[in-house]
Amino acid sequence: MASVDDCRQALHQLAARLDAHAETRGKLDLDRTLACRVPDLETAFHGRLTGGRLIDIADGDDPKAKIALTAASDDLIALVTGKLDVTRAITSRQVQVKANPFDLLKLRKLL
């Protein structure tokens, strides 16, 4: 099982990768709050997706987040590192994403 620090670091790595690719993919019209819940560690993180970037990552849950991702710590690490296919993880319910269907379509552009 990954640690809370491992999960936090993975989210910051994801943010850096999204930041590096934000300009090349074109501006993504998405400005939503994001909660990332890690139930096996009983922890959560939150931030904001805007313009193809993940910003303002902080510890703690945001119950009012427009997009909520729930994943076990090892699955979160595997998603960020590319070892776990996002579509397969969601369809098998290994990872849960709660969001507006239109937001989900926009999120696919980030992945």
C-alpha atoms as a PDB file:
ATOM      1  CA  MET A   1       0.000   0.000   0.000  1.00  0.00           C
ATOM      2  CA  ALA A   2       1.306   3.422  -0.965  1.00  0.00           C
ATOM      3  CA  SER A   3       1.623   6.145   1.670  1.00  0.00           C
ATOM      4  CA  VAL A   4      -0.181   9.483   1.905  1.00  0.00           C
ATOM      5  CA  ASP A   5       3.060  11.195   0.843  1.00  0.00           C
ATOM      6  CA  ASP A   6       3.317   8.899  -2.204  1.00  0.00           C
ATOM      7  CA  CYS A   7      -0.225   9.848  -3.236  1.00  0.00           C
ATOM      8  CA  ARG A   8       0.425  13.547  -2.677  1.00  0.00           C
ATOM      9  CA  GLN A   9       3.611  13.338  -4.747  1.00  0.00           C
ATOM     10  CA  ALA A  10       1.770  11.473  -7.521  1.00  0.00           C
ATOM     11  CA  LEU A  11      -0.848  14.230  -7.748  1.00  0.00           C
ATOM     12  CA  HIS A  12       1.889  16.858  -7.976  1.00  0.00           C
ATOM     13  CA  GLN A  13       3.568  14.796 -10.737  1.00  0.00           C
ATOM     14  CA  LEU A  14       0.251  14.670 -12.569  1.00  0.00           C
ATOM     15  CA  ALA A  15      -0.110  18.433 -12.182  1.00  0.00           C
ATOM     16  CA  ALA A  16       3.382  18.976 -13.610  1.00  0.00           C
ATOM     17  CA  ARG A  17       2.656  16.690 -16.564  1.00  0.00           C
ATOM     18  CA  LEU A  18      -0.669  18.418 -17.294  1.00  0.00           C
ATOM     19  CA  ASP A  19       1.041  21.790 -17.016  1.00  0.00           C
ATOM     20  CA  ALA A  20       3.721  20.768 -19.515  1.00  0.00           C
ATOM     21  CA  HIS A  21       1.114  19.579 -22.021  1.00  0.00           C
ATOM     22  CA  ALA A  22      -1.515  22.296 -21.485  1.00  0.00           C
ATOM     23  CA  GLU A  23      -0.130  24.558 -24.190  1.00  0.00           C
ATOM     24  CA  THR A  24       0.327  21.837 -26.811  1.00  0.00           C
ATOM     25  CA  ARG A  25      -3.189  20.422 -26.413  1.00  0.00           C
ATOM     26  CA  GLY A  26      -4.902  23.745 -26.714  1.00  0.00           C
ATOM     27  CA  LYS A  27      -6.967  25.414 -24.065  1.00  0.00           C
ATOM     28  CA  LEU A  28      -9.442  23.027 -22.480  1.00  0.00           C
ATOM     29  CA  ASP A  29     -12.679  24.729 -21.505  1.00  0.00           C
ATOM     30  CA  LEU A  30     -13.002  23.162 -18.072  1.00  0.00           C
ATOM     31  CA  ASP A  31     -12.929  24.908 -14.722  1.00  0.00           C
ATOM     32  CA  ARG A  32     -13.991  22.529 -11.983  1.00  0.00           C
ATOM     33  CA  THR A  33     -13.122  21.656  -8.423  1.00  0.00           C
ATOM     34  CA  LEU A  34     -11.677  18.192  -7.966  1.00  0.00           C
ATOM     35  CA  ALA A  35     -11.634  15.858  -4.982  1.00  0.00           C
ATOM     36  CA  CYS A  36      -9.382  12.809  -4.933  1.00  0.00           C
ATOM     37  CA  ARG A  37     -10.404  10.355  -2.244  1.00  0.00           C
ATOM     38  CA  VAL A  38      -8.127   7.523  -1.113  1.00  0.00           C
ATOM     39  CA  PRO A  39     -10.250   5.303   1.147  1.00  0.00           C
ATOM     40  CA  ASP A  40      -7.575   2.744   2.074  1.00  0.00           C
ATOM     41  CA  LEU A  41      -5.512   5.558   3.627  1.00  0.00           C
ATOM     42  CA  GLU A  42      -8.585   7.382   4.964  1.00  0.00           C
ATOM     43  CA  THR A  43      -7.398  10.571   3.315  1.00  0.00           C
ATOM     44  CA  ALA A  44      -8.321  12.907   0.484  1.00  0.00           C
ATOM     45  CA  PHE A  45      -6.894  15.736  -1.564  1.00  0.00           C
ATOM     46  CA  HIS A  46      -8.545  18.529  -3.471  1.00  0.00           C
ATOM     47  CA  GLY A  47      -7.628  21.003  -6.167  1.00  0.00           C
ATOM     48  CA  ARG A  48      -8.934  22.710  -9.269  1.00  0.00           C
ATOM     49  CA  LEU A  49      -8.832  21.717 -12.928  1.00  0.00           C
ATOM     50  CA  THR A  50      -8.651  24.799 -15.087  1.00  0.00           C
ATOM     51  CA  GLY A  51      -7.418  25.350 -18.612  1.00  0.00           C
ATOM     52  CA  GLY A  52      -6.018  21.825 -18.808  1.00  0.00           C
ATOM     53  CA  ARG A  53      -4.037  22.276 -15.608  1.00  0.00           C
ATOM     54  CA  LEU A  54      -4.387  20.882 -12.089  1.00  0.00           C
ATOM     55  CA  ILE A  55      -3.732  23.673  -9.581  1.00  0.00           C
ATOM     56  CA  ASP A  56      -4.069  24.442  -5.878  1.00  0.00           C
ATOM     57  CA  ILE A  57      -3.568  20.845  -4.702  1.00  0.00           C
ATOM     58  CA  ALA A  58      -4.124  20.595  -0.960  1.00  0.00           C
ATOM     59  CA  ASP A  59      -4.805  17.967   1.676  1.00  0.00           C
ATOM     60  CA  GLY A  60      -8.373  17.324   2.719  1.00  0.00           C
ATOM     61  CA  ASP A  61     -11.652  16.540   1.023  1.00  0.00           C
ATOM     62  CA  ASP A  62     -13.927  18.937  -0.802  1.00  0.00           C
ATOM     63  CA  PRO A  63     -17.434  17.519  -0.431  1.00  0.00           C
ATOM     64  CA  LYS A  64     -18.769  20.103  -2.901  1.00  0.00           C
ATOM     65  CA  ALA A  65     -16.243  19.217  -5.640  1.00  0.00           C
ATOM     66  CA  LYS A  66     -17.762  19.003  -9.121  1.00  0.00           C
ATOM     67  CA  ILE A  67     -15.491  16.059  -9.990  1.00  0.00           C
ATOM     68  CA  ALA A  68     -14.701  13.305  -7.486  1.00  0.00           C
ATOM     69  CA  LEU A  69     -12.189  10.537  -8.079  1.00  0.00           C
ATOM     70  CA  THR A  70     -12.046   7.626  -5.637  1.00  0.00           C
ATOM     71  CA  ALA A  71      -9.193   5.143  -5.855  1.00  0.00           C
ATOM     72  CA  ALA A  72      -7.081   2.948  -3.614  1.00  0.00           C
ATOM     73  CA  SER A  73      -3.604   4.348  -3.014  1.00  0.00           C
ATOM     74  CA  ASP A  74      -1.827   1.815  -5.245  1.00  0.00           C
ATOM     75  CA  ASP A  75      -4.375   2.355  -8.021  1.00  0.00           C
ATOM     76  CA  LEU A  76      -3.919   6.118  -7.833  1.00  0.00           C
ATOM     77  CA  ILE A  77      -0.150   5.720  -8.189  1.00  0.00           C
ATOM     78  CA  ALA A  78      -0.634   3.274 -11.087  1.00  0.00           C
ATOM     79  CA  LEU A  79      -3.014   5.689 -12.852  1.00  0.00           C
ATOM     80  CA  VAL A  80      -0.615   8.603 -12.585  1.00  0.00           C
ATOM     81  CA  THR A  81       2.401   6.587 -13.710  1.00  0.00           C
ATOM     82  CA  GLY A  82       0.485   5.102 -16.641  1.00  0.00           C
ATOM     83  CA  LYS A  83       0.628   1.518 -15.384  1.00  0.00           C
ATOM     84  CA  LEU A  84      -3.173   1.384 -15.076  1.00  0.00           C
ATOM     85  CA  ASP A  85      -5.390   2.221 -18.044  1.00  0.00           C
ATOM     86  CA  VAL A  86      -7.927   4.863 -17.022  1.00  0.00           C
ATOM     87  CA  THR A  87     -10.780   3.546 -19.143  1.00  0.00           C
ATOM     88  CA  ARG A  88     -10.272  -0.034 -18.007  1.00  0.00           C
ATOM     89  CA  ALA A  89      -9.998   1.048 -14.359  1.00  0.00           C
ATOM     90  CA  ILE A  90     -13.250   3.012 -14.536  1.00  0.00           C
ATOM     91  CA  THR A  91     -15.229   0.360 -16.409  1.00  0.00           C
ATOM     92  CA  SER A  92     -14.082  -2.344 -13.987  1.00  0.00           C
ATOM     93  CA  ARG A  93     -14.977  -0.040 -11.059  1.00  0.00           C
ATOM     94  CA  GLN A  94     -11.434  -0.234  -9.755  1.00  0.00           C
ATOM     95  CA  VAL A  95     -11.551   3.568  -9.862  1.00  0.00           C
ATOM     96  CA  GLN A  96     -14.700   5.642  -9.499  1.00  0.00           C
ATOM     97  CA  VAL A  97     -15.238   9.050 -11.079  1.00  0.00           C
ATOM     98  CA  LYS A  98     -18.308  11.086 -10.269  1.00  0.00           C
ATOM     99  CA  ALA A  99     -18.822  13.972 -12.646  1.00  0.00           C
ATOM    100  CA  ASN A 100     -21.232  15.507 -15.081  1.00  0.00           C
ATOM    101  CA  PRO A 101     -21.221  13.406 -18.318  1.00  0.00           C
ATOM    102  CA  PHE A 102     -20.080  16.445 -20.319  1.00  0.00           C
ATOM    103  CA  ASP A 103     -17.185  16.963 -17.909  1.00  0.00           C
ATOM    104  CA  LEU A 104     -16.187  13.325 -18.344  1.00  0.00           C
ATOM    105  CA  LEU A 105     -15.949  13.852 -22.091  1.00  0.00           C
ATOM    106  CA  LYS A 106     -13.735  16.877 -21.551  1.00  0.00           C
ATOM    107  CA  LEU A 107     -11.579  14.985 -19.047  1.00  0.00           C
ATOM    108  CA  ARG A 108     -10.805  12.361 -21.687  1.00  0.00           C
ATOM    109  CA  LYS A 109      -8.842  15.046 -23.557  1.00  0.00           C
ATOM    110  CA  LEU A 110      -6.511  15.355 -20.568  1.00  0.00           C
ATOM    111  CA  LEU A 111      -5.705  11.652 -20.429  1.00  0.00           C
END
